């Protein structure tokens, strides 16, 4: 199966640091507006997954979600979560560390499209 979302080793290091401080985490791809379009990291206790959220997969042991509407635009792309220096304008947990998560993407090949991991809608359990 081809993964819909990946994480760089540098970003995974930050996730592990955040997990040690905050416990279990999840990601939600922000769709714009106040926070821009950025992957946001939250404690699982501080974010409520909605019935219109799509779980794309997991990165570094964290579920990764985005809105169903946004997924329609991104469903042909693989997301790669990275981290860069600088302060983002969001409520994401990495901000106090002086870094921010960043989403990079690439289009899936036709062959990859036929082998994608299934998605999950809302807060259904696996």
PDB file of N, CA and C in Angstrom:
ATOM      1  N   UNK A   1       0.826  -1.188   0.000  1.00  0.00           N
ATOM      2  CA  UNK A   1       0.000   0.000   0.000  1.00  0.00           C
ATOM      3  C   UNK A   1       0.874   1.258   0.000  1.00  0.00           C
ATOM      4  N   UNK A   2       0.443   2.243  -0.743  1.00  0.00           N
ATOM      5  CA  UNK A   2       1.146   3.515  -0.809  1.00  0.00           C
ATOM      6  C   UNK A   2       0.554   4.436   0.261  1.00  0.00           C
ATOM      7  N   UNK A   3       1.419   5.019   1.066  1.00  0.00           N
ATOM      8  CA  UNK A   3       0.980   5.917   2.139  1.00  0.00           C
ATOM      9  C   UNK A   3       0.594   7.272   1.566  1.00  0.00           C
ATOM     10  N   UNK A   4      -0.470   7.837   2.113  1.00  0.00           N
ATOM     11  CA  UNK A   4      -0.946   9.145   1.677  1.00  0.00           C
ATOM     12  C   UNK A   4      -0.181  10.282   2.354  1.00  0.00           C
ATOM     13  N   UNK A   5       0.413   9.995   3.511  1.00  0.00           N
ATOM     14  CA  UNK A   5       1.136  11.022   4.250  1.00  0.00           C
ATOM     15  C   UNK A   5       2.402  10.409   4.840  1.00  0.00           C
ATOM     16  N   UNK A   6       3.491  11.145   4.723  1.00  0.00           N
ATOM     17  CA  UNK A   6       4.804  10.737   5.233  1.00  0.00           C
ATOM     18  C   UNK A   6       5.342  11.837   6.137  1.00  0.00           C
ATOM     19  N   UNK A   7       6.420  11.536   6.844  1.00  0.00           N
ATOM     20  CA  UNK A   7       7.062  12.535   7.702  1.00  0.00           C
ATOM     21  C   UNK A   7       8.569  12.425   7.530  1.00  0.00           C
ATOM     22  N   UNK A   8       9.258  13.563   7.537  1.00  0.00           N
ATOM     23  CA  UNK A   8      10.708  13.551   7.436  1.00  0.00           C
ATOM     24  C   UNK A   8      11.300  13.158   8.787  1.00  0.00           C
ATOM     25  N   UNK A   9      12.536  12.653   8.783  1.00  0.00           N
ATOM     26  CA  UNK A   9      13.183  12.318  10.067  1.00  0.00           C
ATOM     27  C   UNK A   9      13.283  13.521  11.009  1.00  0.00           C
ATOM     28  N   UNK A  10      13.541  14.708  10.458  1.00  0.00           N
ATOM     29  CA  UNK A  10      13.647  15.913  11.288  1.00  0.00           C
ATOM     30  C   UNK A  10      12.314  16.235  11.960  1.00  0.00           C
ATOM     31  N   UNK A  11      11.240  16.132  11.216  1.00  0.00           N
ATOM     32  CA  UNK A  11       9.920  16.395  11.793  1.00  0.00           C
ATOM     33  C   UNK A  11       9.555  15.322  12.814  1.00  0.00           C
ATOM     34  N   UNK A  12       9.939  14.077  12.547  1.00  0.00           N
ATOM     35  CA  UNK A  12       9.649  13.003  13.496  1.00  0.00           C
ATOM     36  C   UNK A  12      10.362  13.240  14.826  1.00  0.00           C
ATOM     37  N   UNK A  13      11.566  13.789  14.776  1.00  0.00           N
ATOM     38  CA  UNK A  13      12.299  14.117  15.998  1.00  0.00           C
ATOM     39  C   UNK A  13      11.518  15.126  16.840  1.00  0.00           C
ATOM     40  N   UNK A  14      10.946  16.133  16.180  1.00  0.00           N
ATOM     41  CA  UNK A  14      10.148  17.135  16.893  1.00  0.00           C
ATOM     42  C   UNK A  14       8.884  16.489  17.467  1.00  0.00           C
ATOM     43  N   UNK A  15       8.231  15.623  16.704  1.00  0.00           N
ATOM     44  CA  UNK A  15       7.035  14.926  17.194  1.00  0.00           C
ATOM     45  C   UNK A  15       7.370  14.128  18.451  1.00  0.00           C
ATOM     46  N   UNK A  16       8.481  13.427  18.432  1.00  0.00           N
ATOM     47  CA  UNK A  16       8.873  12.628  19.605  1.00  0.00           C
ATOM     48  C   UNK A  16       9.124  13.514  20.820  1.00  0.00           C
ATOM     49  N   UNK A  17       9.716  14.678  20.600  1.00  0.00           N
ATOM     50  CA  UNK A  17       9.949  15.630  21.689  1.00  0.00           C
ATOM     51  C   UNK A  17       8.612  16.135  22.241  1.00  0.00           C
ATOM     52  N   UNK A  18       7.682  16.458  21.349  1.00  0.00           N
ATOM     53  CA  UNK A  18       6.365  16.934  21.781  1.00  0.00           C
ATOM     54  C   UNK A  18       5.580  15.850  22.505  1.00  0.00           C
ATOM     55  N   UNK A  19       5.685  14.614  22.025  1.00  0.00           N
ATOM     56  CA  UNK A  19       4.973  13.496  22.662  1.00  0.00           C
ATOM     57  C   UNK A  19       5.473  13.292  24.091  1.00  0.00           C
ATOM     58  N   UNK A  20       6.783  13.437  24.298  1.00  0.00           N
ATOM     59  CA  UNK A  20       7.345  13.275  25.638  1.00  0.00           C
ATOM     60  C   UNK A  20       6.769  14.306  26.607  1.00  0.00           C
ATOM     61  N   UNK A  21       6.440  15.485  26.098  1.00  0.00           N
ATOM     62  CA  UNK A  21       5.897  16.547  26.948  1.00  0.00           C
ATOM     63  C   UNK A  21       4.370  16.526  27.049  1.00  0.00           C
ATOM     64  N   UNK A  22       3.689  16.196  25.938  1.00  0.00           N
ATOM     65  CA  UNK A  22       2.232  16.353  25.870  1.00  0.00           C
ATOM     66  C   UNK A  22       1.448  15.046  25.781  1.00  0.00           C
ATOM     67  N   UNK A  23       2.123  13.916  25.662  1.00  0.00           N
ATOM     68  CA  UNK A  23       1.420  12.640  25.522  1.00  0.00           C
ATOM     69  C   UNK A  23       1.003  12.383  24.082  1.00  0.00           C
ATOM     70  N   UNK A  24      -0.060  11.601  23.894  1.00  0.00           N
ATOM     71  CA  UNK A  24      -0.510  11.231  22.552  1.00  0.00           C
ATOM     72  C   UNK A  24      -0.917  12.462  21.755  1.00  0.00           C
ATOM     73  N   UNK A  25      -0.545  12.453  20.469  1.00  0.00           N
ATOM     74  CA  UNK A  25      -0.756  13.602  19.596  1.00  0.00           C
ATOM     75  C   UNK A  25      -1.529  13.203  18.346  1.00  0.00           C
ATOM     76  N   UNK A  26      -2.060  14.215  17.667  1.00  0.00           N
ATOM     77  CA  UNK A  26      -2.634  14.029  16.341  1.00  0.00           C
ATOM     78  C   UNK A  26      -2.318  15.263  15.511  1.00  0.00           C
ATOM     79  N   UNK A  27      -2.431  15.101  14.196  1.00  0.00           N
ATOM     80  CA  UNK A  27      -2.242  16.217  13.271  1.00  0.00           C
ATOM     81  C   UNK A  27      -3.541  16.494  12.548  1.00  0.00           C
ATOM     82  N   UNK A  28      -3.763  17.771  12.259  1.00  0.00           N
ATOM     83  CA  UNK A  28      -4.879  18.180  11.398  1.00  0.00           C
ATOM     84  C   UNK A  28      -4.327  19.217  10.427  1.00  0.00           C
ATOM     85  N   UNK A  29      -4.528  18.976   9.145  1.00  0.00           N
ATOM     86  CA  UNK A  29      -4.076  19.910   8.123  1.00  0.00           C
ATOM     87  C   UNK A  29      -5.024  21.097   8.104  1.00  0.00           C
ATOM     88  N   UNK A  30      -4.520  22.251   8.503  1.00  0.00           N
ATOM     89  CA  UNK A  30      -5.331  23.455   8.502  1.00  0.00           C
ATOM     90  C   UNK A  30      -5.680  23.824   7.070  1.00  0.00           C
ATOM     91  N   UNK A  31      -6.883  24.324   6.873  1.00  0.00           N
ATOM     92  CA  UNK A  31      -7.346  24.655   5.532  1.00  0.00           C
ATOM     93  C   UNK A  31      -7.199  26.106   5.156  1.00  0.00           C
ATOM     94  N   UNK A  32      -6.510  26.880   5.936  1.00  0.00           N
ATOM     95  CA  UNK A  32      -6.340  28.279   5.586  1.00  0.00           C
ATOM     96  C   UNK A  32      -6.915  29.189   6.639  1.00  0.00           C
ATOM     97  N   UNK A  33      -7.394  30.345   6.219  1.00  0.00           N
ATOM     98  CA  UNK A  33      -7.948  31.359   7.098  1.00  0.00           C
ATOM     99  C   UNK A  33      -6.865  31.860   8.047  1.00  0.00           C
ATOM    100  N   UNK A  34      -7.144  31.883   9.314  1.00  0.00           N
ATOM    101  CA  UNK A  34      -6.242  32.495  10.292  1.00  0.00           C
ATOM    102  C   UNK A  34      -4.883  31.807  10.397  1.00  0.00           C
ATOM    103  N   UNK A  35      -4.867  30.498  10.282  1.00  0.00           N
ATOM    104  CA  UNK A  35      -3.630  29.754  10.481  1.00  0.00           C
ATOM    105  C   UNK A  35      -2.910  29.429   9.174  1.00  0.00           C
ATOM    106  N   UNK A  36      -3.407  29.892   8.051  1.00  0.00           N
ATOM    107  CA  UNK A  36      -2.812  29.519   6.787  1.00  0.00           C
ATOM    108  C   UNK A  36      -3.096  28.053   6.526  1.00  0.00           C
ATOM    109  N   UNK A  37      -2.382  27.475   5.603  1.00  0.00           N
ATOM    110  CA  UNK A  37      -2.546  26.055   5.308  1.00  0.00           C
ATOM    111  C   UNK A  37      -1.328  25.330   5.840  1.00  0.00           C
ATOM    112  N   UNK A  38      -1.445  24.811   7.035  1.00  0.00           N
ATOM    113  CA  UNK A  38      -0.297  24.193   7.693  1.00  0.00           C
ATOM    114  C   UNK A  38      -0.748  22.974   8.479  1.00  0.00           C
ATOM    115  N   UNK A  39       0.146  21.993   8.627  1.00  0.00           N
ATOM    116  CA  UNK A  39      -0.181  20.861   9.494  1.00  0.00           C
ATOM    117  C   UNK A  39      -0.075  21.314  10.949  1.00  0.00           C
ATOM    118  N   UNK A  40      -1.112  21.059  11.702  1.00  0.00           N
ATOM    119  CA  UNK A  40      -1.134  21.489  13.089  1.00  0.00           C
ATOM    120  C   UNK A  40      -1.132  20.276  14.005  1.00  0.00           C
ATOM    121  N   UNK A  41      -0.303  20.325  15.024  1.00  0.00           N
ATOM    122  CA  UNK A  41      -0.129  19.226  15.965  1.00  0.00           C
ATOM    123  C   UNK A  41      -0.809  19.582  17.289  1.00  0.00           C
ATOM    124  N   UNK A  42      -1.661  18.664  17.748  1.00  0.00           N
ATOM    125  CA  UNK A  42      -2.400  18.868  18.988  1.00  0.00           C
ATOM    126  C   UNK A  42      -2.305  17.625  19.870  1.00  0.00           C
ATOM    127  N   UNK A  43      -2.504  17.827  21.160  1.00  0.00           N
ATOM    128  CA  UNK A  43      -2.719  16.698  22.063  1.00  0.00           C
ATOM    129  C   UNK A  43      -4.056  16.076  21.677  1.00  0.00           C
ATOM    130  N   UNK A  44      -4.158  14.750  21.722  1.00  0.00           N
ATOM    131  CA  UNK A  44      -5.428  14.109  21.367  1.00  0.00           C
ATOM    132  C   UNK A  44      -6.564  14.568  22.286  1.00  0.00           C
ATOM    133  N   UNK A  45      -6.228  15.032  23.475  1.00  0.00           N
ATOM    134  CA  UNK A  45      -7.251  15.511  24.409  1.00  0.00           C
ATOM    135  C   UNK A  45      -7.702  16.937  24.124  1.00  0.00           C
ATOM    136  N   UNK A  46      -6.977  17.634  23.235  1.00  0.00           N
ATOM    137  CA  UNK A  46      -7.277  19.041  22.964  1.00  0.00           C
ATOM    138  C   UNK A  46      -7.886  19.274  21.589  1.00  0.00           C
ATOM    139  N   UNK A  47      -8.142  18.223  20.829  1.00  0.00           N
ATOM    140  CA  UNK A  47      -8.720  18.389  19.501  1.00  0.00           C
ATOM    141  C   UNK A  47      -9.803  17.346  19.298  1.00  0.00           C
ATOM    142  N   UNK A  48     -10.932  17.785  18.853  1.00  0.00           N
ATOM    143  CA  UNK A  48     -12.050  16.875  18.611  1.00  0.00           C
ATOM    144  C   UNK A  48     -12.177  16.628  17.113  1.00  0.00           C
ATOM    145  N   UNK A  49     -12.002  15.400  16.706  1.00  0.00           N
ATOM    146  CA  UNK A  49     -12.143  15.023  15.302  1.00  0.00           C
ATOM    147  C   UNK A  49     -13.619  15.059  14.946  1.00  0.00           C
ATOM    148  N   UNK A  50     -13.936  15.745  13.846  1.00  0.00           N
ATOM    149  CA  UNK A  50     -15.326  15.893  13.429  1.00  0.00           C
ATOM    150  C   UNK A  50     -15.752  14.814  12.453  1.00  0.00           C
ATOM    151  N   UNK A  51     -17.059  14.709  12.258  1.00  0.00           N
ATOM    152  CA  UNK A  51     -17.591  13.695  11.347  1.00  0.00           C
ATOM    153  C   UNK A  51     -17.244  13.991   9.892  1.00  0.00           C
ATOM    154  N   UNK A  52     -16.797  15.204   9.587  1.00  0.00           N
ATOM    155  CA  UNK A  52     -16.384  15.549   8.231  1.00  0.00           C
ATOM    156  C   UNK A  52     -14.877  15.568   8.066  1.00  0.00           C
ATOM    157  N   UNK A  53     -14.149  15.069   9.050  1.00  0.00           N
ATOM    158  CA  UNK A  53     -12.701  14.950   8.925  1.00  0.00           C
ATOM    159  C   UNK A  53     -12.347  13.604   8.321  1.00  0.00           C
ATOM    160  N   UNK A  54     -11.268  13.602   7.548  1.00  0.00           N
ATOM    161  CA  UNK A  54     -10.772  12.397   6.894  1.00  0.00           C
ATOM    162  C   UNK A  54      -9.418  12.050   7.494  1.00  0.00           C
ATOM    163  N   UNK A  55      -9.272  10.815   7.940  1.00  0.00           N
ATOM    164  CA  UNK A  55      -7.975  10.343   8.425  1.00  0.00           C
ATOM    165  C   UNK A  55      -7.221   9.772   7.233  1.00  0.00           C
ATOM    166  N   UNK A  56      -6.089  10.403   6.895  1.00  0.00           N
ATOM    167  CA  UNK A  56      -5.289   9.967   5.758  1.00  0.00           C
ATOM    168  C   UNK A  56      -4.355   8.825   6.115  1.00  0.00           C
ATOM    169  N   UNK A  57      -3.978   8.743   7.370  1.00  0.00           N
ATOM    170  CA  UNK A  57      -3.032   7.727   7.820  1.00  0.00           C
ATOM    171  C   UNK A  57      -2.398   8.167   9.119  1.00  0.00           C
ATOM    172  N   UNK A  58      -1.208   7.639   9.375  1.00  0.00           N
ATOM    173  CA  UNK A  58      -0.473   7.994  10.586  1.00  0.00           C
ATOM    174  C   UNK A  58       0.956   8.353  10.238  1.00  0.00           C
ATOM    175  N   UNK A  59       1.489   9.308  10.994  1.00  0.00           N
ATOM    176  CA  UNK A  59       2.902   9.676  10.883  1.00  0.00           C
ATOM    177  C   UNK A  59       3.482   9.689  12.284  1.00  0.00           C
ATOM    178  N   UNK A  60       4.605   9.053  12.449  1.00  0.00           N
ATOM    179  CA  UNK A  60       5.288   9.005  13.755  1.00  0.00           C
ATOM    180  C   UNK A  60       4.325   8.599  14.866  1.00  0.00           C
ATOM    181  N   UNK A  61       3.405   7.688  14.559  1.00  0.00           N
ATOM    182  CA  UNK A  61       2.459   7.204  15.555  1.00  0.00           C
ATOM    183  C   UNK A  61       1.306   8.144  15.841  1.00  0.00           C
ATOM    184  N   UNK A  62       1.128   9.175  15.013  1.00  0.00           N
ATOM    185  CA  UNK A  62       0.062  10.160  15.200  1.00  0.00           C
ATOM    186  C   UNK A  62      -0.904  10.109  14.023  1.00  0.00           C
ATOM    187  N   UNK A  63      -2.194  10.077  14.306  1.00  0.00           N
ATOM    188  CA  UNK A  63      -3.194  10.143  13.242  1.00  0.00           C
ATOM    189  C   UNK A  63      -3.083  11.494  12.536  1.00  0.00           C
ATOM    190  N   UNK A  64      -3.332  11.488  11.220  1.00  0.00           N
ATOM    191  CA  UNK A  64      -3.258  12.709  10.416  1.00  0.00           C
ATOM    192  C   UNK A  64      -4.590  12.913   9.711  1.00  0.00           C
ATOM    193  N   UNK A  65      -5.242  14.055   9.976  1.00  0.00           N
ATOM    194  CA  UNK A  65      -6.571  14.358   9.462  1.00  0.00           C
ATOM    195  C   UNK A  65      -6.579  15.638   8.624  1.00  0.00           C
ATOM    196  N   UNK A  66      -7.602  15.767   7.810  1.00  0.00           N
ATOM    197  CA  UNK A  66      -7.964  17.025   7.163  1.00  0.00           C
ATOM    198  C   UNK A  66      -9.458  16.980   6.900  1.00  0.00           C
ATOM    199  N   UNK A  67     -10.031  18.129   6.575  1.00  0.00           N
ATOM    200  CA  UNK A  67     -11.472  18.161   6.311  1.00  0.00           C
ATOM    201  C   UNK A  67     -11.768  17.395   5.019  1.00  0.00           C
ATOM    202  N   UNK A  68     -12.965  16.850   4.943  1.00  0.00           N
ATOM    203  CA  UNK A  68     -13.378  16.097   3.750  1.00  0.00           C
ATOM    204  C   UNK A  68     -13.346  16.999   2.519  1.00  0.00           C
ATOM    205  N   UNK A  69     -13.776  18.230   2.664  1.00  0.00           N
ATOM    206  CA  UNK A  69     -13.767  19.179   1.545  1.00  0.00           C
ATOM    207  C   UNK A  69     -12.344  19.426   1.046  1.00  0.00           C
ATOM    208  N   UNK A  70     -11.421  19.621   1.976  1.00  0.00           N
ATOM    209  CA  UNK A  70     -10.028  19.844   1.596  1.00  0.00           C
ATOM    210  C   UNK A  70      -9.436  18.580   0.965  1.00  0.00           C
ATOM    211  N   UNK A  71      -9.827  17.421   1.478  1.00  0.00           N
ATOM    212  CA  UNK A  71      -9.325  16.165   0.932  1.00  0.00           C
ATOM    213  C   UNK A  71      -9.642  16.041  -0.559  1.00  0.00           C
ATOM    214  N   UNK A  72     -10.788  16.553  -0.978  1.00  0.00           N
ATOM    215  CA  UNK A  72     -11.151  16.488  -2.398  1.00  0.00           C
ATOM    216  C   UNK A  72     -10.100  17.174  -3.276  1.00  0.00           C
ATOM    217  N   UNK A  73      -9.468  18.220  -2.758  1.00  0.00           N
ATOM    218  CA  UNK A  73      -8.415  18.912  -3.500  1.00  0.00           C
ATOM    219  C   UNK A  73      -7.075  18.185  -3.429  1.00  0.00           C
ATOM    220  N   UNK A  74      -6.818  17.504  -2.321  1.00  0.00           N
ATOM    221  CA  UNK A  74      -5.503  16.917  -2.057  1.00  0.00           C
ATOM    222  C   UNK A  74      -5.451  15.407  -2.322  1.00  0.00           C
ATOM    223  N   UNK A  75      -6.539  14.772  -2.694  1.00  0.00           N
ATOM    224  CA  UNK A  75      -6.583  13.314  -2.760  1.00  0.00           C
ATOM    225  C   UNK A  75      -5.650  12.709  -3.799  1.00  0.00           C
ATOM    226  N   UNK A  76      -5.155  13.491  -4.718  1.00  0.00           N
ATOM    227  CA  UNK A  76      -4.230  12.992  -5.737  1.00  0.00           C
ATOM    228  C   UNK A  76      -2.766  13.245  -5.372  1.00  0.00           C
ATOM    229  N   UNK A  77      -2.541  13.704  -4.134  1.00  0.00           N
ATOM    230  CA  UNK A  77      -1.177  14.048  -3.730  1.00  0.00           C
ATOM    231  C   UNK A  77      -0.759  13.318  -2.462  1.00  0.00           C
ATOM    232  N   UNK A  78       0.524  13.038  -2.412  1.00  0.00           N
ATOM    233  CA  UNK A  78       1.112  12.498  -1.186  1.00  0.00           C
ATOM    234  C   UNK A  78       1.633  13.686  -0.393  1.00  0.00           C
ATOM    235  N   UNK A  79       1.302  13.742   0.875  1.00  0.00           N
ATOM    236  CA  UNK A  79       1.754  14.823   1.734  1.00  0.00           C
ATOM    237  C   UNK A  79       3.002  14.387   2.477  1.00  0.00           C
ATOM    238  N   UNK A  80       3.978  15.279   2.544  1.00  0.00           N
ATOM    239  CA  UNK A  80       5.220  15.022   3.273  1.00  0.00           C
ATOM    240  C   UNK A  80       5.334  16.111   4.331  1.00  0.00           C
ATOM    241  N   UNK A  81       5.295  15.709   5.594  1.00  0.00           N
ATOM    242  CA  UNK A  81       5.349  16.670   6.695  1.00  0.00           C
ATOM    243  C   UNK A  81       6.800  16.871   7.104  1.00  0.00           C
ATOM    244  N   UNK A  82       7.219  18.124   7.056  1.00  0.00           N
ATOM    245  CA  UNK A  82       8.583  18.508   7.380  1.00  0.00           C
ATOM    246  C   UNK A  82       8.531  19.553   8.492  1.00  0.00           C
ATOM    247  N   UNK A  83       9.675  20.000   8.934  1.00  0.00           N
ATOM    248  CA  UNK A  83       9.757  21.038   9.954  1.00  0.00           C
ATOM    249  C   UNK A  83      10.823  22.037   9.520  1.00  0.00           C
ATOM    250  N   UNK A  84      10.560  23.322   9.766  1.00  0.00           N
ATOM    251  CA  UNK A  84      11.511  24.379   9.443  1.00  0.00           C
ATOM    252  C   UNK A  84      11.624  25.316  10.636  1.00  0.00           C
ATOM    253  N   UNK A  85      12.738  26.034  10.703  1.00  0.00           N
ATOM    254  CA  UNK A  85      12.914  27.027  11.762  1.00  0.00           C
ATOM    255  C   UNK A  85      11.992  28.205  11.490  1.00  0.00           C
ATOM    256  N   UNK A  86      11.542  28.811  12.547  1.00  0.00           N
ATOM    257  CA  UNK A  86      10.676  29.973  12.424  1.00  0.00           C
ATOM    258  C   UNK A  86       9.379  29.752  13.170  1.00  0.00           C
ATOM    259  N   UNK A  87       8.776  30.836  13.512  1.00  0.00           N
ATOM    260  CA  UNK A  87       7.544  30.765  14.294  1.00  0.00           C
ATOM    261  C   UNK A  87       6.344  30.838  13.359  1.00  0.00           C
ATOM    262  N   UNK A  88       5.488  29.835  13.446  1.00  0.00           N
ATOM    263  CA  UNK A  88       4.245  29.844  12.686  1.00  0.00           C
ATOM    264  C   UNK A  88       3.180  30.608  13.451  1.00  0.00           C
ATOM    265  N   UNK A  89       2.138  31.002  12.751  1.00  0.00           N
ATOM    266  CA  UNK A  89       1.046  31.744  13.374  1.00  0.00           C
ATOM    267  C   UNK A  89      -0.106  30.782  13.639  1.00  0.00           C
ATOM    268  N   UNK A  90       0.073  29.904  14.609  1.00  0.00           N
ATOM    269  CA  UNK A  90      -0.964  28.912  14.866  1.00  0.00           C
ATOM    270  C   UNK A  90      -0.950  28.486  16.323  1.00  0.00           C
ATOM    271  N   UNK A  91      -1.847  27.551  16.631  1.00  0.00           N
ATOM    272  CA  UNK A  91      -1.940  26.994  17.983  1.00  0.00           C
ATOM    273  C   UNK A  91      -1.250  25.640  18.068  1.00  0.00           C
ATOM    274  N   UNK A  92      -0.486  25.287  17.055  1.00  0.00           N
ATOM    275  CA  UNK A  92       0.185  24.001  17.007  1.00  0.00           C
ATOM    276  C   UNK A  92       1.255  23.907  18.102  1.00  0.00           C
ATOM    277  N   UNK A  93       1.420  22.716  18.650  1.00  0.00           N
ATOM    278  CA  UNK A  93       2.290  22.521  19.817  1.00  0.00           C
ATOM    279  C   UNK A  93       3.769  22.829  19.593  1.00  0.00           C
ATOM    280  N   UNK A  94       4.256  22.776  18.357  1.00  0.00           N
ATOM    281  CA  UNK A  94       5.691  22.994  18.110  1.00  0.00           C
ATOM    282  C   UNK A  94       6.100  24.461  18.162  1.00  0.00           C
ATOM    283  N   UNK A  95       5.159  25.376  18.105  1.00  0.00           N
ATOM    284  CA  UNK A  95       5.459  26.805  17.996  1.00  0.00           C
ATOM    285  C   UNK A  95       6.414  27.305  19.087  1.00  0.00           C
ATOM    286  N   UNK A  96       6.238  26.952  20.368  1.00  0.00           N
ATOM    287  CA  UNK A  96       7.177  27.428  21.391  1.00  0.00           C
ATOM    288  C   UNK A  96       8.620  26.934  21.197  1.00  0.00           C
ATOM    289  N   UNK A  97       8.812  25.926  20.359  1.00  0.00           N
ATOM    290  CA  UNK A  97      10.165  25.408  20.115  1.00  0.00           C
ATOM    291  C   UNK A  97      10.918  26.224  19.070  1.00  0.00           C
ATOM    292  N   UNK A  98      10.236  27.209  18.460  1.00  0.00           N
ATOM    293  CA  UNK A  98      10.889  28.034  17.438  1.00  0.00           C
ATOM    294  C   UNK A  98      10.947  27.355  16.079  1.00  0.00           C
ATOM    295  N   UNK A  99      10.076  26.364  15.884  1.00  0.00           N
ATOM    296  CA  UNK A  99       9.978  25.671  14.598  1.00  0.00           C
ATOM    297  C   UNK A  99       8.503  25.578  14.220  1.00  0.00           C
ATOM    298  N   UNK A 100       8.256  25.217  12.966  1.00  0.00           N
ATOM    299  CA  UNK A 100       6.881  24.987  12.544  1.00  0.00           C
ATOM    300  C   UNK A 100       6.858  23.845  11.548  1.00  0.00           C
ATOM    301  N   UNK A 101       5.781  23.088  11.601  1.00  0.00           N
ATOM    302  CA  UNK A 101       5.600  22.009  10.633  1.00  0.00           C
ATOM    303  C   UNK A 101       5.168  22.613   9.311  1.00  0.00           C
ATOM    304  N   UNK A 102       5.545  21.949   8.230  1.00  0.00           N
ATOM    305  CA  UNK A 102       5.279  22.413   6.876  1.00  0.00           C
ATOM    306  C   UNK A 102       4.855  21.220   6.033  1.00  0.00           C
ATOM    307  N   UNK A 103       3.858  21.406   5.183  1.00  0.00           N
ATOM    308  CA  UNK A 103       3.410  20.336   4.291  1.00  0.00           C
ATOM    309  C   UNK A 103       3.988  20.543   2.901  1.00  0.00           C
ATOM    310  N   UNK A 104       4.656  19.528   2.420  1.00  0.00           N
ATOM    311  CA  UNK A 104       5.109  19.483   1.037  1.00  0.00           C
ATOM    312  C   UNK A 104       4.252  18.420   0.359  1.00  0.00           C
ATOM    313  N   UNK A 105       4.155  18.474  -0.947  1.00  0.00           N
ATOM    314  CA  UNK A 105       3.321  17.475  -1.614  1.00  0.00           C
ATOM    315  C   UNK A 105       3.886  17.117  -2.979  1.00  0.00           C
ATOM    316  N   UNK A 106       3.434  15.964  -3.451  1.00  0.00           N
ATOM    317  CA  UNK A 106       3.767  15.519  -4.805  1.00  0.00           C
ATOM    318  C   UNK A 106       2.585  14.724  -5.321  1.00  0.00           C
ATOM    319  N   UNK A 107       2.381  14.755  -6.624  1.00  0.00           N
ATOM    320  CA  UNK A 107       1.287  14.004  -7.225  1.00  0.00           C
ATOM    321  C   UNK A 107       1.603  12.517  -7.227  1.00  0.00           C
ATOM    322  N   UNK A 108       0.580  11.701  -6.984  1.00  0.00           N
ATOM    323  CA  UNK A 108       0.731  10.263  -7.106  1.00  0.00           C
ATOM    324  C   UNK A 108       0.799   9.887  -8.579  1.00  0.00           C
ATOM    325  N   UNK A 109       1.540   8.839  -8.878  1.00  0.00           N
ATOM    326  CA  UNK A 109       1.523   8.287 -10.235  1.00  0.00           C
ATOM    327  C   UNK A 109       0.220   7.507 -10.403  1.00  0.00           C
ATOM    328  N   UNK A 110      -0.121   7.184 -11.643  1.00  0.00           N
ATOM    329  CA  UNK A 110      -1.327   6.383 -11.891  1.00  0.00           C
ATOM    330  C   UNK A 110      -1.238   5.044 -11.181  1.00  0.00           C
ATOM    331  N   UNK A 111      -0.060   4.437 -11.185  1.00  0.00           N
ATOM    332  CA  UNK A 111       0.124   3.149 -10.507  1.00  0.00           C
ATOM    333  C   UNK A 111      -0.096   3.297  -8.996  1.00  0.00           C
ATOM    334  N   UNK A 112       0.452   4.364  -8.408  1.00  0.00           N
ATOM    335  CA  UNK A 112       0.287   4.590  -6.977  1.00  0.00           C
ATOM    336  C   UNK A 112      -1.176   4.820  -6.614  1.00  0.00           C
ATOM    337  N   UNK A 113      -1.912   5.523  -7.455  1.00  0.00           N
ATOM    338  CA  UNK A 113      -3.331   5.796  -7.174  1.00  0.00           C
ATOM    339  C   UNK A 113      -4.133   4.516  -6.982  1.00  0.00           C
ATOM    340  N   UNK A 114      -3.717   3.454  -7.654  1.00  0.00           N
ATOM    341  CA  UNK A 114      -4.441   2.184  -7.525  1.00  0.00           C
ATOM    342  C   UNK A 114      -4.015   1.398  -6.282  1.00  0.00           C
ATOM    343  N   UNK A 115      -3.020   1.901  -5.541  1.00  0.00           N
ATOM    344  CA  UNK A 115      -2.481   1.176  -4.400  1.00  0.00           C
ATOM    345  C   UNK A 115      -2.503   1.988  -3.100  1.00  0.00           C
ATOM    346  N   UNK A 116      -3.345   3.008  -3.040  1.00  0.00           N
ATOM    347  CA  UNK A 116      -3.363   3.890  -1.873  1.00  0.00           C
ATOM    348  C   UNK A 116      -3.974   3.236  -0.645  1.00  0.00           C
ATOM    349  N   UNK A 117      -3.432   3.614   0.516  1.00  0.00           N
ATOM    350  CA  UNK A 117      -4.034   3.209   1.780  1.00  0.00           C
ATOM    351  C   UNK A 117      -5.459   3.745   1.831  1.00  0.00           C
ATOM    352  N   UNK A 118      -6.372   3.003   2.417  1.00  0.00           N
ATOM    353  CA  UNK A 118      -7.750   3.511   2.536  1.00  0.00           C
ATOM    354  C   UNK A 118      -7.809   4.670   3.522  1.00  0.00           C
ATOM    355  N   UNK A 119      -8.796   5.536   3.319  1.00  0.00           N
ATOM    356  CA  UNK A 119      -9.017   6.630   4.266  1.00  0.00           C
ATOM    357  C   UNK A 119     -10.077   6.210   5.269  1.00  0.00           C
ATOM    358  N   UNK A 120     -10.223   7.009   6.302  1.00  0.00           N
ATOM    359  CA  UNK A 120     -11.243   6.783   7.321  1.00  0.00           C
ATOM    360  C   UNK A 120     -11.965   8.113   7.519  1.00  0.00           C
ATOM    361  N   UNK A 121     -13.277   8.100   7.540  1.00  0.00           N
ATOM    362  CA  UNK A 121     -14.062   9.325   7.714  1.00  0.00           C
ATOM    363  C   UNK A 121     -14.454   9.487   9.180  1.00  0.00           C
ATOM    364  N   UNK A 122     -14.243  10.678   9.706  1.00  0.00           N
ATOM    365  CA  UNK A 122     -14.642  10.990  11.074  1.00  0.00           C
ATOM    366  C   UNK A 122     -13.824  10.261  12.116  1.00  0.00           C
ATOM    367  N   UNK A 123     -14.380  10.111  13.279  1.00  0.00           N
ATOM    368  CA  UNK A 123     -13.677   9.534  14.420  1.00  0.00           C
ATOM    369  C   UNK A 123     -13.926   8.042  14.549  1.00  0.00           C
ATOM    370  N   UNK A 124     -14.241   7.372  13.446  1.00  0.00           N
ATOM    371  CA  UNK A 124     -14.438   5.914  13.489  1.00  0.00           C
ATOM    372  C   UNK A 124     -13.182   5.247  14.015  1.00  0.00           C
ATOM    373  N   UNK A 125     -13.337   4.122  14.643  1.00  0.00           N
ATOM    374  CA  UNK A 125     -12.160   3.389  15.114  1.00  0.00           C
ATOM    375  C   UNK A 125     -11.720   2.422  14.036  1.00  0.00           C
ATOM    376  N   UNK A 126     -10.439   2.132  14.022  1.00  0.00           N
ATOM    377  CA  UNK A 126      -9.881   1.201  13.031  1.00  0.00           C
ATOM    378  C   UNK A 126     -10.323  -0.221  13.267  1.00  0.00           C
TER     379      UNK A 126
END
